[in-house]
Amino acid sequence: MKRSAPRCPVPVEQLPIREYEEMRESWFYSWGARDLRGYTVPVLVVWGLSWLVSGPIAAASYAPTEVLNKFLISAALGALVVPALTLLQLYVGWSHVGQRLQIKDLPYEESGWYDGQIWTKPDDIFNRDRLIVDYQVRPILNRLRKTFGIMAGCLVLGMFGWSLF
């Protein structure tokens, strides 16, 4: 007689694989999983839209007709705030899903916060989840880290450029 595998007690909406699939299909979180063009275009659009706020603020401090360089540097660096916060939200979301996929003992709630349980993933599910982290989630997190590095480099270059003018 063949034994059947134990039924997974975790509610479907709390399964890490389900959370991962929802993020990949999400309009916002899918940015990280897109190809390079599909990733950079929304980031640049957010940065460009941020100029609508940072431009007037920079213009109030540095008149573009008098000190164009300082205006451009301050507006460009100020416009990095919104994309940085946007990408931070992407990073936190993907990091959370990656952590839930990586753990063997998965905490879950059956009906509310007061009845927390722990389910130990069978080896085949645990291995599948680890592969997803290694080949899908980590590259997204690495891309986001590189983008943060580029933004930090822009800040350093902006400060260096500021001292020249």
C-alpha atoms as a PDB file:
ATOM      1  CA  MET A   1       0.000   0.000   0.000  1.00  0.00           C
ATOM      2  CA  LYS A   2       1.387   3.380  -1.021  1.00  0.00           C
ATOM      3  CA  ARG A   3       1.370   6.155   1.573  1.00  0.00           C
ATOM      4  CA  SER A   4       0.188   9.525   0.405  1.00  0.00           C
ATOM      5  CA  ALA A   5       2.167  12.638   1.201  1.00  0.00           C
ATOM      6  CA  PRO A   6       0.855  14.647   4.137  1.00  0.00           C
ATOM      7  CA  ARG A   7      -1.418  17.486   3.130  1.00  0.00           C
ATOM      8  CA  CYS A   8       0.076  20.957   3.401  1.00  0.00           C
ATOM      9  CA  PRO A   9      -1.745  22.768   6.234  1.00  0.00           C
ATOM     10  CA  VAL A  10      -0.584  26.251   5.186  1.00  0.00           C
ATOM     11  CA  PRO A  11      -3.386  28.390   3.718  1.00  0.00           C
ATOM     12  CA  VAL A  12      -2.805  28.913  -0.014  1.00  0.00           C
ATOM     13  CA  GLU A  13      -2.390  32.700   0.304  1.00  0.00           C
ATOM     14  CA  GLN A  14       0.442  32.190   2.848  1.00  0.00           C
ATOM     15  CA  LEU A  15       2.491  29.749   0.770  1.00  0.00           C
ATOM     16  CA  PRO A  16       5.831  31.290  -0.206  1.00  0.00           C
ATOM     17  CA  ILE A  17       5.533  29.943  -3.761  1.00  0.00           C
ATOM     18  CA  ARG A  18       2.164  31.672  -4.071  1.00  0.00           C
ATOM     19  CA  GLU A  19       3.610  34.937  -2.717  1.00  0.00           C
ATOM     20  CA  TYR A  20       6.437  34.632  -5.237  1.00  0.00           C
ATOM     21  CA  GLU A  21       4.025  34.039  -8.143  1.00  0.00           C
ATOM     22  CA  GLU A  22       1.862  36.993  -7.099  1.00  0.00           C
ATOM     23  CA  MET A  23       4.923  39.256  -6.991  1.00  0.00           C
ATOM     24  CA  ARG A  24       6.078  38.142 -10.443  1.00  0.00           C
ATOM     25  CA  GLU A  25       2.614  38.917 -11.825  1.00  0.00           C
ATOM     26  CA  SER A  26       2.229  42.190  -9.925  1.00  0.00           C
ATOM     27  CA  TRP A  27       2.482  45.386 -11.956  1.00  0.00           C
ATOM     28  CA  PHE A  28       4.861  47.000  -9.469  1.00  0.00           C
ATOM     29  CA  TYR A  29       6.971  44.100  -8.194  1.00  0.00           C
ATOM     30  CA  SER A  30       7.420  42.615 -11.653  1.00  0.00           C
ATOM     31  CA  TRP A  31       9.776  45.525 -12.473  1.00  0.00           C
ATOM     32  CA  GLY A  32      12.594  43.658 -10.794  1.00  0.00           C
ATOM     33  CA  ALA A  33      11.986  40.486 -12.789  1.00  0.00           C
ATOM     34  CA  ARG A  34      11.824  42.164 -16.217  1.00  0.00           C
ATOM     35  CA  ASP A  35      14.613  42.323 -18.773  1.00  0.00           C
ATOM     36  CA  LEU A  36      17.065  45.202 -18.523  1.00  0.00           C
ATOM     37  CA  ARG A  37      14.995  47.578 -20.666  1.00  0.00           C
ATOM     38  CA  GLY A  38      11.774  46.677 -18.842  1.00  0.00           C
ATOM     39  CA  TYR A  39      13.535  47.452 -15.579  1.00  0.00           C
ATOM     40  CA  THR A  40      15.375  50.658 -16.450  1.00  0.00           C
ATOM     41  CA  VAL A  41      12.550  52.420 -18.299  1.00  0.00           C
ATOM     42  CA  PRO A  42      10.169  52.560 -15.288  1.00  0.00           C
ATOM     43  CA  VAL A  43      13.028  53.625 -13.003  1.00  0.00           C
ATOM     44  CA  LEU A  44      13.976  56.434 -15.372  1.00  0.00           C
ATOM     45  CA  VAL A  45      10.316  57.449 -15.754  1.00  0.00           C
ATOM     46  CA  VAL A  46       9.957  57.704 -11.975  1.00  0.00           C
ATOM     47  CA  TRP A  47      13.182  59.722 -11.830  1.00  0.00           C
ATOM     48  CA  GLY A  48      11.948  62.002 -14.615  1.00  0.00           C
ATOM     49  CA  LEU A  49       8.593  62.531 -12.894  1.00  0.00           C
ATOM     50  CA  SER A  50      10.431  63.325  -9.672  1.00  0.00           C
ATOM     51  CA  TRP A  51      11.852  66.365 -11.434  1.00  0.00           C
ATOM     52  CA  LEU A  52       8.335  67.861 -11.222  1.00  0.00           C
ATOM     53  CA  VAL A  53       8.955  68.237  -7.493  1.00  0.00           C
ATOM     54  CA  SER A  54      12.732  68.609  -7.264  1.00  0.00           C
ATOM     55  CA  GLY A  55      13.023  71.054 -10.189  1.00  0.00           C
ATOM     56  CA  PRO A  56      10.925  73.855  -8.667  1.00  0.00           C
ATOM     57  CA  ILE A  57      12.559  73.343  -5.272  1.00  0.00           C
ATOM     58  CA  ALA A  58      16.028  73.549  -6.829  1.00  0.00           C
ATOM     59  CA  ALA A  59      14.964  76.573  -8.894  1.00  0.00           C
ATOM     60  CA  ALA A  60      13.875  78.363  -5.739  1.00  0.00           C
ATOM     61  CA  SER A  61      17.338  77.857  -4.286  1.00  0.00           C
ATOM     62  CA  TYR A  62      19.456  78.241  -7.416  1.00  0.00           C
ATOM     63  CA  ALA A  63      18.070  80.325 -10.264  1.00  0.00           C
ATOM     64  CA  PRO A  64      18.616  78.348 -13.489  1.00  0.00           C
ATOM     65  CA  THR A  65      19.428  81.526 -15.388  1.00  0.00           C
ATOM     66  CA  GLU A  66      22.222  82.427 -12.961  1.00  0.00           C
ATOM     67  CA  VAL A  67      23.726  79.159 -11.686  1.00  0.00           C
ATOM     68  CA  LEU A  68      22.549  76.489 -14.107  1.00  0.00           C
ATOM     69  CA  ASN A  69      25.097  73.884 -12.968  1.00  0.00           C
ATOM     70  CA  LYS A  70      24.065  74.008  -9.308  1.00  0.00           C
ATOM     71  CA  PHE A  71      20.400  73.977 -10.301  1.00  0.00           C
ATOM     72  CA  LEU A  72      20.862  70.865 -12.479  1.00  0.00           C
ATOM     73  CA  ILE A  73      22.926  69.027  -9.876  1.00  0.00           C
ATOM     74  CA  SER A  74      20.567  69.771  -6.996  1.00  0.00           C
ATOM     75  CA  ALA A  75      17.447  68.952  -9.032  1.00  0.00           C
ATOM     76  CA  ALA A  76      18.923  65.720 -10.396  1.00  0.00           C
ATOM     77  CA  LEU A  77      20.068  64.544  -6.979  1.00  0.00           C
ATOM     78  CA  GLY A  78      16.817  65.593  -5.349  1.00  0.00           C
ATOM     79  CA  ALA A  79      14.910  63.667  -8.002  1.00  0.00           C
ATOM     80  CA  LEU A  80      16.745  60.492  -6.912  1.00  0.00           C
ATOM     81  CA  VAL A  81      14.762  60.378  -3.664  1.00  0.00           C
ATOM     82  CA  VAL A  82      11.523  58.998  -5.144  1.00  0.00           C
ATOM     83  CA  PRO A  83      13.189  56.295  -7.289  1.00  0.00           C
ATOM     84  CA  ALA A  84      15.330  55.313  -4.306  1.00  0.00           C
ATOM     85  CA  LEU A  85      12.233  54.877  -2.138  1.00  0.00           C
ATOM     86  CA  THR A  86      10.481  52.999  -4.937  1.00  0.00           C
ATOM     87  CA  LEU A  87      13.400  50.633  -5.378  1.00  0.00           C
ATOM     88  CA  LEU A  88      13.683  50.220  -1.620  1.00  0.00           C
ATOM     89  CA  GLN A  89      10.078  48.992  -1.576  1.00  0.00           C
ATOM     90  CA  LEU A  90      10.914  46.554  -4.386  1.00  0.00           C
ATOM     91  CA  TYR A  91      13.938  45.338  -2.444  1.00  0.00           C
ATOM     92  CA  VAL A  92      12.015  44.824   0.790  1.00  0.00           C
ATOM     93  CA  GLY A  93       9.252  42.907  -0.989  1.00  0.00           C
ATOM     94  CA  TRP A  94      11.563  40.597  -2.926  1.00  0.00           C
ATOM     95  CA  SER A  95      13.777  40.105   0.107  1.00  0.00           C
ATOM     96  CA  HIS A  96      10.784  39.072   2.211  1.00  0.00           C
ATOM     97  CA  VAL A  97       9.614  36.529  -0.345  1.00  0.00           C
ATOM     98  CA  GLY A  98      13.164  35.210  -0.729  1.00  0.00           C
ATOM     99  CA  GLN A  99      13.490  34.720   3.014  1.00  0.00           C
ATOM    100  CA  ARG A 100      10.156  32.866   3.198  1.00  0.00           C
ATOM    101  CA  LEU A 101      11.189  30.619   0.322  1.00  0.00           C
ATOM    102  CA  GLN A 102      14.527  29.814   1.982  1.00  0.00           C
ATOM    103  CA  ILE A 103      13.293  28.690   5.382  1.00  0.00           C
ATOM    104  CA  LYS A 104      12.566  25.020   6.020  1.00  0.00           C
ATOM    105  CA  ASP A 105      10.198  25.572   8.977  1.00  0.00           C
ATOM    106  CA  LEU A 106       7.478  27.869   7.677  1.00  0.00           C
ATOM    107  CA  PRO A 107       5.403  29.834  10.198  1.00  0.00           C
ATOM    108  CA  TYR A 108       1.768  30.362   9.227  1.00  0.00           C
ATOM    109  CA  GLU A 109      -1.574  31.314  10.742  1.00  0.00           C
ATOM    110  CA  GLU A 110      -4.645  29.136  10.326  1.00  0.00           C
ATOM    111  CA  SER A 111      -7.313  31.709  11.062  1.00  0.00           C
ATOM    112  CA  GLY A 112      -5.689  34.648  12.848  1.00  0.00           C
ATOM    113  CA  TRP A 113      -2.629  35.994  14.623  1.00  0.00           C
ATOM    114  CA  TYR A 114      -3.439  34.051  17.782  1.00  0.00           C
ATOM    115  CA  ASP A 115      -3.080  30.534  16.350  1.00  0.00           C
ATOM    116  CA  GLY A 116       0.367  30.548  14.734  1.00  0.00           C
ATOM    117  CA  GLN A 117       1.725  27.198  13.611  1.00  0.00           C
ATOM    118  CA  ILE A 118       4.908  25.950  11.978  1.00  0.00           C
ATOM    119  CA  TRP A 119       4.998  23.607   8.994  1.00  0.00           C
ATOM    120  CA  THR A 120       8.200  21.849   8.004  1.00  0.00           C
ATOM    121  CA  LYS A 121       8.522  21.774   4.238  1.00  0.00           C
ATOM    122  CA  PRO A 122       9.168  18.366   2.706  1.00  0.00           C
ATOM    123  CA  ASP A 123      12.575  18.087   1.018  1.00  0.00           C
ATOM    124  CA  ASP A 124      11.218  18.310  -2.538  1.00  0.00           C
ATOM    125  CA  ILE A 125       9.328  21.559  -1.820  1.00  0.00           C
ATOM    126  CA  PHE A 126      12.238  22.979   0.157  1.00  0.00           C
ATOM    127  CA  ASN A 127      14.667  22.220  -2.698  1.00  0.00           C
ATOM    128  CA  ARG A 128      12.298  23.720  -5.280  1.00  0.00           C
ATOM    129  CA  ASP A 129      11.974  26.887  -3.188  1.00  0.00           C
ATOM    130  CA  ARG A 130      15.749  27.166  -2.769  1.00  0.00           C
ATOM    131  CA  LEU A 131      16.213  26.882  -6.526  1.00  0.00           C
ATOM    132  CA  ILE A 132      13.693  29.665  -7.060  1.00  0.00           C
ATOM    133  CA  VAL A 133      15.644  31.843  -4.638  1.00  0.00           C
ATOM    134  CA  ASP A 134      18.980  31.034  -6.289  1.00  0.00           C
ATOM    135  CA  TYR A 135      17.878  31.520  -9.901  1.00  0.00           C
ATOM    136  CA  GLN A 136      15.006  34.013  -9.697  1.00  0.00           C
ATOM    137  CA  VAL A 137      15.005  36.075  -6.496  1.00  0.00           C
ATOM    138  CA  ARG A 138      18.747  36.599  -5.900  1.00  0.00           C
ATOM    139  CA  PRO A 139      19.347  38.046  -9.393  1.00  0.00           C
ATOM    140  CA  ILE A 140      16.552  40.559  -8.759  1.00  0.00           C
ATOM    141  CA  LEU A 141      18.048  41.541  -5.397  1.00  0.00           C
ATOM    142  CA  ASN A 142      21.514  41.816  -6.968  1.00  0.00           C
ATOM    143  CA  ARG A 143      20.130  44.071  -9.717  1.00  0.00           C
ATOM    144  CA  LEU A 144      18.514  46.295  -7.100  1.00  0.00           C
ATOM    145  CA  ARG A 145      21.766  46.448  -5.099  1.00  0.00           C
ATOM    146  CA  LYS A 146      23.650  47.458  -8.253  1.00  0.00           C
ATOM    147  CA  THR A 147      21.076  50.160  -8.918  1.00  0.00           C
ATOM    148  CA  PHE A 148      21.512  51.474  -5.372  1.00  0.00           C
ATOM    149  CA  GLY A 149      25.259  51.481  -6.019  1.00  0.00           C
ATOM    150  CA  ILE A 150      24.768  53.490  -9.201  1.00  0.00           C
ATOM    151  CA  MET A 151      22.572  55.947  -7.302  1.00  0.00           C
ATOM    152  CA  ALA A 152      25.210  56.272  -4.588  1.00  0.00           C
ATOM    153  CA  GLY A 153      27.792  56.886  -7.299  1.00  0.00           C
ATOM    154  CA  CYS A 154      25.573  59.622  -8.747  1.00  0.00           C
ATOM    155  CA  LEU A 155      25.409  61.229  -5.323  1.00  0.00           C
ATOM    156  CA  VAL A 156      29.191  61.148  -4.975  1.00  0.00           C
ATOM    157  CA  LEU A 157      29.659  62.543  -8.483  1.00  0.00           C
ATOM    158  CA  GLY A 158      27.064  65.213  -7.747  1.00  0.00           C
ATOM    159  CA  MET A 159      28.867  66.266  -4.590  1.00  0.00           C
ATOM    160  CA  PHE A 160      32.160  66.295  -6.455  1.00  0.00           C
ATOM    161  CA  GLY A 161      30.614  68.327  -9.264  1.00  0.00           C
ATOM    162  CA  TRP A 162      29.073  70.661  -6.717  1.00  0.00           C
ATOM    163  CA  SER A 163      32.473  71.479  -5.272  1.00  0.00           C
ATOM    164  CA  LEU A 164      33.779  72.343  -8.739  1.00  0.00           C
ATOM    165  CA  PHE A 165      31.161  75.036  -9.344  1.00  0.00           C
END
